[in-house]
Amino acid sequence: MKNNTIGSSFDSFLEEEGIAEAVEAGAVKKIISVQLLDTLKKQNLTKTELAHRLETSRAAVDRLLDPDNESVTLLTLTKAASVLGKKLKLELV
């Protein structure tokens, strides 16, 4: 019996399952969340201070930093990056 999955890539598996775009979007959000948390730590800032700088609530910052919350807007991500002295960079490849 031949195993057709041997040699196939994970990317092709995700595409075959029809979930490649969703998985990639989730991964990107997780990476951004980790980068934001790392920046907060390096700048010795609290979530409360970030909320104050963003002129929003602590709950909104929790959503922003939640790696599983994919509903954060580009505007929010851009503003968060800006108040932390960073830039959000997106590109089509």
PDB file of N, CA and C in Angstrom:
ATOM      1  N   MET A   1       0.844  -1.186   0.000  1.00  0.00           N
ATOM      2  CA  MET A   1       0.000   0.000   0.000  1.00  0.00           C
ATOM      3  C   MET A   1       0.892   1.253   0.000  1.00  0.00           C
ATOM      4  N   LYS A   2       0.660   2.148  -0.922  1.00  0.00           N
ATOM      5  CA  LYS A   2       1.469   3.357  -1.079  1.00  0.00           C
ATOM      6  C   LYS A   2       0.880   4.488  -0.242  1.00  0.00           C
ATOM      7  N   ASN A   3       1.739   5.211   0.455  1.00  0.00           N
ATOM      8  CA  ASN A   3       1.330   6.356   1.264  1.00  0.00           C
ATOM      9  C   ASN A   3       1.525   7.612   0.430  1.00  0.00           C
ATOM     10  N   ASN A   4       0.443   8.248   0.017  1.00  0.00           N
ATOM     11  CA  ASN A   4       0.515   9.433  -0.848  1.00  0.00           C
ATOM     12  C   ASN A   4       0.957  10.689  -0.119  1.00  0.00           C
ATOM     13  N   THR A   5       0.989  10.651   1.201  1.00  0.00           N
ATOM     14  CA  THR A   5       1.366  11.855   1.941  1.00  0.00           C
ATOM     15  C   THR A   5       2.859  11.962   2.151  1.00  0.00           C
ATOM     16  N   ILE A   6       3.588  10.888   1.954  1.00  0.00           N
ATOM     17  CA  ILE A   6       5.036  10.952   2.127  1.00  0.00           C
ATOM     18  C   ILE A   6       5.612  11.874   1.054  1.00  0.00           C
ATOM     19  N   GLY A   7       6.405  12.818   1.505  1.00  0.00           N
ATOM     20  CA  GLY A   7       7.025  13.757   0.581  1.00  0.00           C
ATOM     21  C   GLY A   7       6.203  15.010   0.327  1.00  0.00           C
ATOM     22  N   SER A   8       4.949  15.021   0.758  1.00  0.00           N
ATOM     23  CA  SER A   8       4.163  16.237   0.551  1.00  0.00           C
ATOM     24  C   SER A   8       4.533  17.258   1.626  1.00  0.00           C
ATOM     25  N   SER A   9       4.365  18.504   1.299  1.00  0.00           N
ATOM     26  CA  SER A   9       4.728  19.549   2.245  1.00  0.00           C
ATOM     27  C   SER A   9       3.539  19.901   3.134  1.00  0.00           C
ATOM     28  N   PHE A  10       3.869  20.528   4.241  1.00  0.00           N
ATOM     29  CA  PHE A  10       2.828  20.983   5.153  1.00  0.00           C
ATOM     30  C   PHE A  10       1.963  22.033   4.468  1.00  0.00           C
ATOM     31  N   ASP A  11       2.608  22.900   3.681  1.00  0.00           N
ATOM     32  CA  ASP A  11       1.868  23.928   2.945  1.00  0.00           C
ATOM     33  C   ASP A  11       0.851  23.307   2.000  1.00  0.00           C
ATOM     34  N   SER A  12       1.262  22.258   1.297  1.00  0.00           N
ATOM     35  CA  SER A  12       0.322  21.626   0.370  1.00  0.00           C
ATOM     36  C   SER A  12      -0.813  20.948   1.131  1.00  0.00           C
ATOM     37  N   PHE A  13      -0.508  20.401   2.302  1.00  0.00           N
ATOM     38  CA  PHE A  13      -1.562  19.816   3.131  1.00  0.00           C
ATOM     39  C   PHE A  13      -2.589  20.881   3.525  1.00  0.00           C
ATOM     40  N   LEU A  14      -2.093  22.043   3.975  1.00  0.00           N
ATOM     41  CA  LEU A  14      -3.004  23.124   4.373  1.00  0.00           C
ATOM     42  C   LEU A  14      -3.851  23.578   3.193  1.00  0.00           C
ATOM     43  N   GLU A  15      -3.238  23.662   2.024  1.00  0.00           N
ATOM     44  CA  GLU A  15      -3.973  24.065   0.825  1.00  0.00           C
ATOM     45  C   GLU A  15      -5.034  23.028   0.462  1.00  0.00           C
ATOM     46  N   GLU A  16      -4.673  21.759   0.544  1.00  0.00           N
ATOM     47  CA  GLU A  16      -5.637  20.693   0.244  1.00  0.00           C
ATOM     48  C   GLU A  16      -6.823  20.724   1.197  1.00  0.00           C
ATOM     49  N   GLU A  17      -6.558  21.079   2.443  1.00  0.00           N
ATOM     50  CA  GLU A  17      -7.619  21.157   3.447  1.00  0.00           C
ATOM     51  C   GLU A  17      -8.406  22.466   3.348  1.00  0.00           C
ATOM     52  N   GLY A  18      -7.925  23.407   2.540  1.00  0.00           N
ATOM     53  CA  GLY A  18      -8.604  24.687   2.362  1.00  0.00           C
ATOM     54  C   GLY A  18      -8.444  25.638   3.536  1.00  0.00           C
ATOM     55  N   ILE A  19      -7.371  25.460   4.294  1.00  0.00           N
ATOM     56  CA  ILE A  19      -7.185  26.284   5.501  1.00  0.00           C
ATOM     57  C   ILE A  19      -5.863  27.059   5.495  1.00  0.00           C
ATOM     58  N   ALA A  20      -5.162  27.057   4.377  1.00  0.00           N
ATOM     59  CA  ALA A  20      -3.839  27.692   4.330  1.00  0.00           C
ATOM     60  C   ALA A  20      -3.895  29.169   4.705  1.00  0.00           C
ATOM     61  N   GLU A  21      -4.828  29.909   4.145  1.00  0.00           N
ATOM     62  CA  GLU A  21      -4.901  31.356   4.410  1.00  0.00           C
ATOM     63  C   GLU A  21      -5.238  31.636   5.866  1.00  0.00           C
ATOM     64  N   ALA A  22      -6.161  30.876   6.428  1.00  0.00           N
ATOM     65  CA  ALA A  22      -6.549  31.082   7.822  1.00  0.00           C
ATOM     66  C   ALA A  22      -5.396  30.757   8.768  1.00  0.00           C
ATOM     67  N   VAL A  23      -4.678  29.698   8.481  1.00  0.00           N
ATOM     68  CA  VAL A  23      -3.542  29.320   9.321  1.00  0.00           C
ATOM     69  C   VAL A  23      -2.444  30.376   9.238  1.00  0.00           C
ATOM     70  N   GLU A  24      -2.179  30.872   8.044  1.00  0.00           N
ATOM     71  CA  GLU A  24      -1.146  31.898   7.893  1.00  0.00           C
ATOM     72  C   GLU A  24      -1.549  33.193   8.605  1.00  0.00           C
ATOM     73  N   ALA A  25      -2.796  33.586   8.484  1.00  0.00           N
ATOM     74  CA  ALA A  25      -3.261  34.800   9.167  1.00  0.00           C
ATOM     75  C   ALA A  25      -3.132  34.652  10.676  1.00  0.00           C
ATOM     76  N   GLY A  26      -3.478  33.493  11.182  1.00  0.00           N
ATOM     77  CA  GLY A  26      -3.337  33.236  12.618  1.00  0.00           C
ATOM     78  C   GLY A  26      -1.889  33.292  13.063  1.00  0.00           C
ATOM     79  N   ALA A  27      -1.000  32.747  12.245  1.00  0.00           N
ATOM     80  CA  ALA A  27       0.424  32.763  12.573  1.00  0.00           C
ATOM     81  C   ALA A  27       0.970  34.187  12.578  1.00  0.00           C
ATOM     82  N   VAL A  28       0.557  34.989  11.604  1.00  0.00           N
ATOM     83  CA  VAL A  28       1.002  36.380  11.540  1.00  0.00           C
ATOM     84  C   VAL A  28       0.554  37.132  12.787  1.00  0.00           C
ATOM     85  N   LYS A  29      -0.698  36.937  13.204  1.00  0.00           N
ATOM     86  CA  LYS A  29      -1.201  37.623  14.403  1.00  0.00           C
ATOM     87  C   LYS A  29      -0.427  37.193  15.633  1.00  0.00           C
ATOM     88  N   LYS A  30      -0.114  35.920  15.731  1.00  0.00           N
ATOM     89  CA  LYS A  30       0.664  35.438  16.866  1.00  0.00           C
ATOM     90  C   LYS A  30       2.053  36.084  16.883  1.00  0.00           C
ATOM     91  N   ILE A  31       2.689  36.175  15.741  1.00  0.00           N
ATOM     92  CA  ILE A  31       4.015  36.786  15.662  1.00  0.00           C
ATOM     93  C   ILE A  31       3.964  38.254  16.074  1.00  0.00           C
ATOM     94  N   ILE A  32       2.965  38.977  15.585  1.00  0.00           N
ATOM     95  CA  ILE A  32       2.833  40.390  15.942  1.00  0.00           C
ATOM     96  C   ILE A  32       2.582  40.545  17.437  1.00  0.00           C
ATOM     97  N   SER A  33       1.752  39.693  18.005  1.00  0.00           N
ATOM     98  CA  SER A  33       1.477  39.751  19.446  1.00  0.00           C
ATOM     99  C   SER A  33       2.749  39.533  20.251  1.00  0.00           C
ATOM    100  N   VAL A  34       3.550  38.549  19.852  1.00  0.00           N
ATOM    101  CA  VAL A  34       4.815  38.280  20.541  1.00  0.00           C
ATOM    102  C   VAL A  34       5.751  39.473  20.410  1.00  0.00           C
ATOM    103  N   GLN A  35       5.819  40.075  19.236  1.00  0.00           N
ATOM    104  CA  GLN A  35       6.682  41.237  19.037  1.00  0.00           C
ATOM    105  C   GLN A  35       6.221  42.420  19.884  1.00  0.00           C
ATOM    106  N   LEU A  36       4.913  42.635  19.970  1.00  0.00           N
ATOM    107  CA  LEU A  36       4.400  43.725  20.805  1.00  0.00           C
ATOM    108  C   LEU A  36       4.722  43.472  22.276  1.00  0.00           C
ATOM    109  N   LEU A  37       4.501  42.250  22.742  1.00  0.00           N
ATOM    110  CA  LEU A  37       4.806  41.920  24.141  1.00  0.00           C
ATOM    111  C   LEU A  37       6.295  42.067  24.430  1.00  0.00           C
ATOM    112  N   ASP A  38       7.134  41.656  23.493  1.00  0.00           N
ATOM    113  CA  ASP A  38       8.575  41.787  23.651  1.00  0.00           C
ATOM    114  C   ASP A  38       8.974  43.259  23.738  1.00  0.00           C
ATOM    115  N   THR A  39       8.359  44.082  22.910  1.00  0.00           N
ATOM    116  CA  THR A  39       8.653  45.518  22.939  1.00  0.00           C
ATOM    117  C   THR A  39       8.219  46.132  24.259  1.00  0.00           C
ATOM    118  N   LEU A  40       7.049  45.746  24.756  1.00  0.00           N
ATOM    119  CA  LEU A  40       6.598  46.245  26.064  1.00  0.00           C
ATOM    120  C   LEU A  40       7.612  45.892  27.145  1.00  0.00           C
ATOM    121  N   LYS A  41       8.068  44.649  27.111  1.00  0.00           N
ATOM    122  CA  LYS A  41       9.027  44.188  28.110  1.00  0.00           C
ATOM    123  C   LYS A  41      10.339  44.964  28.006  1.00  0.00           C
ATOM    124  N   LYS A  42      10.853  45.136  26.787  1.00  0.00           N
ATOM    125  CA  LYS A  42      12.115  45.844  26.582  1.00  0.00           C
ATOM    126  C   LYS A  42      12.020  47.304  27.011  1.00  0.00           C
ATOM    127  N   GLN A  43      10.829  47.910  26.823  1.00  0.00           N
ATOM    128  CA  GLN A  43      10.644  49.313  27.196  1.00  0.00           C
ATOM    129  C   GLN A  43      10.135  49.460  28.629  1.00  0.00           C
ATOM    130  N   ASN A  44       9.995  48.329  29.315  1.00  0.00           N
ATOM    131  CA  ASN A  44       9.532  48.312  30.700  1.00  0.00           C
ATOM    132  C   ASN A  44       8.176  49.026  30.855  1.00  0.00           C
ATOM    133  N   LEU A  45       7.262  48.725  29.920  1.00  0.00           N
ATOM    134  CA  LEU A  45       5.926  49.318  29.944  1.00  0.00           C
ATOM    135  C   LEU A  45       4.894  48.273  30.366  1.00  0.00           C
ATOM    136  N   THR A  46       3.863  48.738  31.043  1.00  0.00           N
ATOM    137  CA  THR A  46       2.774  47.855  31.421  1.00  0.00           C
ATOM    138  C   THR A  46       1.660  47.932  30.375  1.00  0.00           C
ATOM    139  N   LYS A  47       0.771  46.987  30.434  1.00  0.00           N
ATOM    140  CA  LYS A  47      -0.400  47.012  29.547  1.00  0.00           C
ATOM    141  C   LYS A  47      -1.249  48.245  29.838  1.00  0.00           C
ATOM    142  N   THR A  48      -1.298  48.636  31.094  1.00  0.00           N
ATOM    143  CA  THR A  48      -2.068  49.826  31.474  1.00  0.00           C
ATOM    144  C   THR A  48      -1.468  51.077  30.842  1.00  0.00           C
ATOM    145  N   GLU A  49      -0.136  51.179  30.849  1.00  0.00           N
ATOM    146  CA  GLU A  49       0.529  52.328  30.223  1.00  0.00           C
ATOM    147  C   GLU A  49       0.298  52.331  28.711  1.00  0.00           C
ATOM    148  N   LEU A  50       0.354  51.150  28.094  1.00  0.00           N
ATOM    149  CA  LEU A  50       0.083  51.073  26.661  1.00  0.00           C
ATOM    150  C   LEU A  50      -1.356  51.507  26.381  1.00  0.00           C
ATOM    151  N   ALA A  51      -2.285  51.092  27.201  1.00  0.00           N
ATOM    152  CA  ALA A  51      -3.684  51.504  27.034  1.00  0.00           C
ATOM    153  C   ALA A  51      -3.808  53.020  27.132  1.00  0.00           C
ATOM    154  N   HIS A  52      -3.106  53.606  28.070  1.00  0.00           N
ATOM    155  CA  HIS A  52      -3.136  55.073  28.226  1.00  0.00           C
ATOM    156  C   HIS A  52      -2.576  55.746  26.972  1.00  0.00           C
ATOM    157  N   ARG A  53      -1.458  55.258  26.464  1.00  0.00           N
ATOM    158  CA  ARG A  53      -0.842  55.845  25.265  1.00  0.00           C
ATOM    159  C   ARG A  53      -1.739  55.682  24.028  1.00  0.00           C
ATOM    160  N   LEU A  54      -2.454  54.564  23.982  1.00  0.00           N
ATOM    161  CA  LEU A  54      -3.360  54.326  22.851  1.00  0.00           C
ATOM    162  C   LEU A  54      -4.722  54.992  23.033  1.00  0.00           C
ATOM    163  N   GLU A  55      -4.921  55.592  24.211  1.00  0.00           N
ATOM    164  CA  GLU A  55      -6.208  56.215  24.557  1.00  0.00           C
ATOM    165  C   GLU A  55      -7.343  55.212  24.406  1.00  0.00           C
ATOM    166  N   THR A  56      -7.127  54.045  25.027  1.00  0.00           N
ATOM    167  CA  THR A  56      -8.125  52.982  24.977  1.00  0.00           C
ATOM    168  C   THR A  56      -8.152  52.272  26.322  1.00  0.00           C
ATOM    169  N   SER A  57      -8.921  51.223  26.399  1.00  0.00           N
ATOM    170  CA  SER A  57      -9.061  50.492  27.654  1.00  0.00           C
ATOM    171  C   SER A  57      -8.018  49.380  27.774  1.00  0.00           C
ATOM    172  N   ARG A  58      -7.828  48.943  28.985  1.00  0.00           N
ATOM    173  CA  ARG A  58      -6.923  47.816  29.232  1.00  0.00           C
ATOM    174  C   ARG A  58      -7.474  46.559  28.549  1.00  0.00           C
ATOM    175  N   ALA A  59      -8.796  46.402  28.513  1.00  0.00           N
ATOM    176  CA  ALA A  59      -9.416  45.245  27.847  1.00  0.00           C
ATOM    177  C   ALA A  59      -9.086  45.243  26.355  1.00  0.00           C
ATOM    178  N   ALA A  60      -9.063  46.433  25.744  1.00  0.00           N
ATOM    179  CA  ALA A  60      -8.719  46.537  24.318  1.00  0.00           C
ATOM    180  C   ALA A  60      -7.260  46.140  24.089  1.00  0.00           C
ATOM    181  N   VAL A  61      -6.391  46.512  25.017  1.00  0.00           N
ATOM    182  CA  VAL A  61      -4.979  46.128  24.914  1.00  0.00           C
ATOM    183  C   VAL A  61      -4.847  44.616  25.077  1.00  0.00           C
ATOM    184  N   ASP A  62      -5.606  44.037  25.988  1.00  0.00           N
ATOM    185  CA  ASP A  62      -5.583  42.581  26.139  1.00  0.00           C
ATOM    186  C   ASP A  62      -5.980  41.886  24.845  1.00  0.00           C
ATOM    187  N   ARG A  63      -6.975  42.421  24.156  1.00  0.00           N
ATOM    188  CA  ARG A  63      -7.385  41.849  22.867  1.00  0.00           C
ATOM    189  C   ARG A  63      -6.279  42.020  21.828  1.00  0.00           C
ATOM    190  N   LEU A  64      -5.647  43.183  21.825  1.00  0.00           N
ATOM    191  CA  LEU A  64      -4.554  43.459  20.903  1.00  0.00           C
ATOM    192  C   LEU A  64      -3.403  42.475  21.104  1.00  0.00           C
ATOM    193  N   LEU A  65      -3.095  42.181  22.342  1.00  0.00           N
ATOM    194  CA  LEU A  65      -1.963  41.321  22.657  1.00  0.00           C
ATOM    195  C   LEU A  65      -2.315  39.834  22.679  1.00  0.00           C
ATOM    196  N   ASP A  66      -3.584  39.515  22.560  1.00  0.00           N
ATOM    197  CA  ASP A  66      -4.026  38.117  22.557  1.00  0.00           C
ATOM    198  C   ASP A  66      -3.643  37.483  21.221  1.00  0.00           C
ATOM    199  N   PRO A  67      -2.730  36.508  21.230  1.00  0.00           N
ATOM    200  CA  PRO A  67      -2.284  35.915  19.968  1.00  0.00           C
ATOM    201  C   PRO A  67      -3.386  35.174  19.214  1.00  0.00           C
ATOM    202  N   ASP A  68      -4.459  34.827  19.894  1.00  0.00           N
ATOM    203  CA  ASP A  68      -5.554  34.103  19.244  1.00  0.00           C
ATOM    204  C   ASP A  68      -6.673  35.015  18.748  1.00  0.00           C
ATOM    205  N   ASN A  69      -6.585  36.308  19.053  1.00  0.00           N
ATOM    206  CA  ASN A  69      -7.610  37.243  18.616  1.00  0.00           C
ATOM    207  C   ASN A  69      -7.191  37.835  17.270  1.00  0.00           C
ATOM    208  N   GLU A  70      -7.825  37.368  16.213  1.00  0.00           N
ATOM    209  CA  GLU A  70      -7.471  37.806  14.864  1.00  0.00           C
ATOM    210  C   GLU A  70      -8.334  38.955  14.362  1.00  0.00           C
ATOM    211  N   SER A  71      -9.166  39.525  15.229  1.00  0.00           N
ATOM    212  CA  SER A  71     -10.074  40.581  14.792  1.00  0.00           C
ATOM    213  C   SER A  71      -9.499  41.985  14.956  1.00  0.00           C
ATOM    214  N   VAL A  72      -8.254  42.084  15.353  1.00  0.00           N
ATOM    215  CA  VAL A  72      -7.609  43.385  15.529  1.00  0.00           C
ATOM    216  C   VAL A  72      -7.419  44.030  14.161  1.00  0.00           C
ATOM    217  N   THR A  73      -7.715  45.317  14.072  1.00  0.00           N
ATOM    218  CA  THR A  73      -7.627  46.012  12.786  1.00  0.00           C
ATOM    219  C   THR A  73      -6.205  46.472  12.497  1.00  0.00           C
ATOM    220  N   LEU A  74      -5.938  46.736  11.224  1.00  0.00           N
ATOM    221  CA  LEU A  74      -4.644  47.272  10.828  1.00  0.00           C
ATOM    222  C   LEU A  74      -4.401  48.637  11.451  1.00  0.00           C
ATOM    223  N   LEU A  75      -5.455  49.434  11.575  1.00  0.00           N
ATOM    224  CA  LEU A  75      -5.320  50.749  12.190  1.00  0.00           C
ATOM    225  C   LEU A  75      -4.847  50.619  13.634  1.00  0.00           C
ATOM    226  N   THR A  76      -5.427  49.686  14.375  1.00  0.00           N
ATOM    227  CA  THR A  76      -5.034  49.475  15.765  1.00  0.00           C
ATOM    228  C   THR A  76      -3.597  48.989  15.857  1.00  0.00           C
ATOM    229  N   LEU A  77      -3.220  48.050  15.001  1.00  0.00           N
ATOM    230  CA  LEU A  77      -1.852  47.549  15.001  1.00  0.00           C
ATOM    231  C   LEU A  77      -0.859  48.653  14.650  1.00  0.00           C
ATOM    232  N   THR A  78      -1.215  49.481  13.676  1.00  0.00           N
ATOM    233  CA  THR A  78      -0.349  50.586  13.267  1.00  0.00           C
ATOM    234  C   THR A  78      -0.182  51.597  14.394  1.00  0.00           C
ATOM    235  N   LYS A  79      -1.275  51.918  15.062  1.00  0.00           N
ATOM    236  CA  LYS A  79      -1.219  52.879  16.169  1.00  0.00           C
ATOM    237  C   LYS A  79      -0.396  52.320  17.324  1.00  0.00           C
ATOM    238  N   ALA A  80      -0.578  51.049  17.640  1.00  0.00           N
ATOM    239  CA  ALA A  80       0.191  50.428  18.723  1.00  0.00           C
ATOM    240  C   ALA A  80       1.674  50.450  18.390  1.00  0.00           C
ATOM    241  N   ALA A  81       2.014  50.100  17.166  1.00  0.00           N
ATOM    242  CA  ALA A  81       3.415  50.136  16.755  1.00  0.00           C
ATOM    243  C   ALA A  81       3.977  51.545  16.895  1.00  0.00           C
ATOM    244  N   SER A  82       3.219  52.520  16.469  1.00  0.00           N
ATOM    245  CA  SER A  82       3.670  53.907  16.505  1.00  0.00           C
ATOM    246  C   SER A  82       3.944  54.394  17.922  1.00  0.00           C
ATOM    247  N   VAL A  83       3.038  54.128  18.842  1.00  0.00           N
ATOM    248  CA  VAL A  83       3.240  54.604  20.219  1.00  0.00           C
ATOM    249  C   VAL A  83       4.397  53.883  20.893  1.00  0.00           C
ATOM    250  N   LEU A  84       4.811  52.747  20.332  1.00  0.00           N
ATOM    251  CA  LEU A  84       5.966  52.025  20.869  1.00  0.00           C
ATOM    252  C   LEU A  84       7.250  52.349  20.103  1.00  0.00           C
ATOM    253  N   GLY A  85       7.143  53.325  19.183  1.00  0.00           N
ATOM    254  CA  GLY A  85       8.314  53.734  18.421  1.00  0.00           C
ATOM    255  C   GLY A  85       8.680  52.765  17.308  1.00  0.00           C
ATOM    256  N   LYS A  86       7.704  52.008  16.861  1.00  0.00           N
ATOM    257  CA  LYS A  86       7.912  51.010  15.809  1.00  0.00           C
ATOM    258  C   LYS A  86       7.040  51.336  14.612  1.00  0.00           C
ATOM    259  N   LYS A  87       7.230  50.580  13.536  1.00  0.00           N
ATOM    260  CA  LYS A  87       6.373  50.684  12.346  1.00  0.00           C
ATOM    261  C   LYS A  87       5.845  49.318  12.022  1.00  0.00           C
ATOM    262  N   LEU A  88       4.608  49.273  11.598  1.00  0.00           N
ATOM    263  CA  LEU A  88       4.020  48.030  11.118  1.00  0.00           C
ATOM    264  C   LEU A  88       4.326  47.939   9.637  1.00  0.00           C
ATOM    265  N   LYS A  89       4.916  46.844   9.220  1.00  0.00           N
ATOM    266  CA  LYS A  89       5.287  46.686   7.826  1.00  0.00           C
ATOM    267  C   LYS A  89       4.564  45.451   7.258  1.00  0.00           C
ATOM    268  N   LEU A  90       3.752  45.686   6.241  1.00  0.00           N
ATOM    269  CA  LEU A  90       3.064  44.620   5.537  1.00  0.00           C
ATOM    270  C   LEU A  90       3.480  44.677   4.088  1.00  0.00           C
ATOM    271  N   GLU A  91       3.541  43.518   3.450  1.00  0.00           N
ATOM    272  CA  GLU A  91       3.866  43.537   2.043  1.00  0.00           C
ATOM    273  C   GLU A  91       3.194  42.370   1.340  1.00  0.00           C
ATOM    274  N   LEU A  92       2.895  42.579   0.078  1.00  0.00           N
ATOM    275  CA  LEU A  92       2.382  41.527  -0.758  1.00  0.00           C
ATOM    276  C   LEU A  92       3.557  40.862  -1.446  1.00  0.00           C
ATOM    277  N   VAL A  93       3.597  39.560  -1.390  1.00  0.00           N
ATOM    278  CA  VAL A  93       4.712  38.841  -2.048  1.00  0.00           C
ATOM    279  C   VAL A  93       4.170  37.827  -3.028  1.00  0.00           C
TER     280      VAL A  93
END
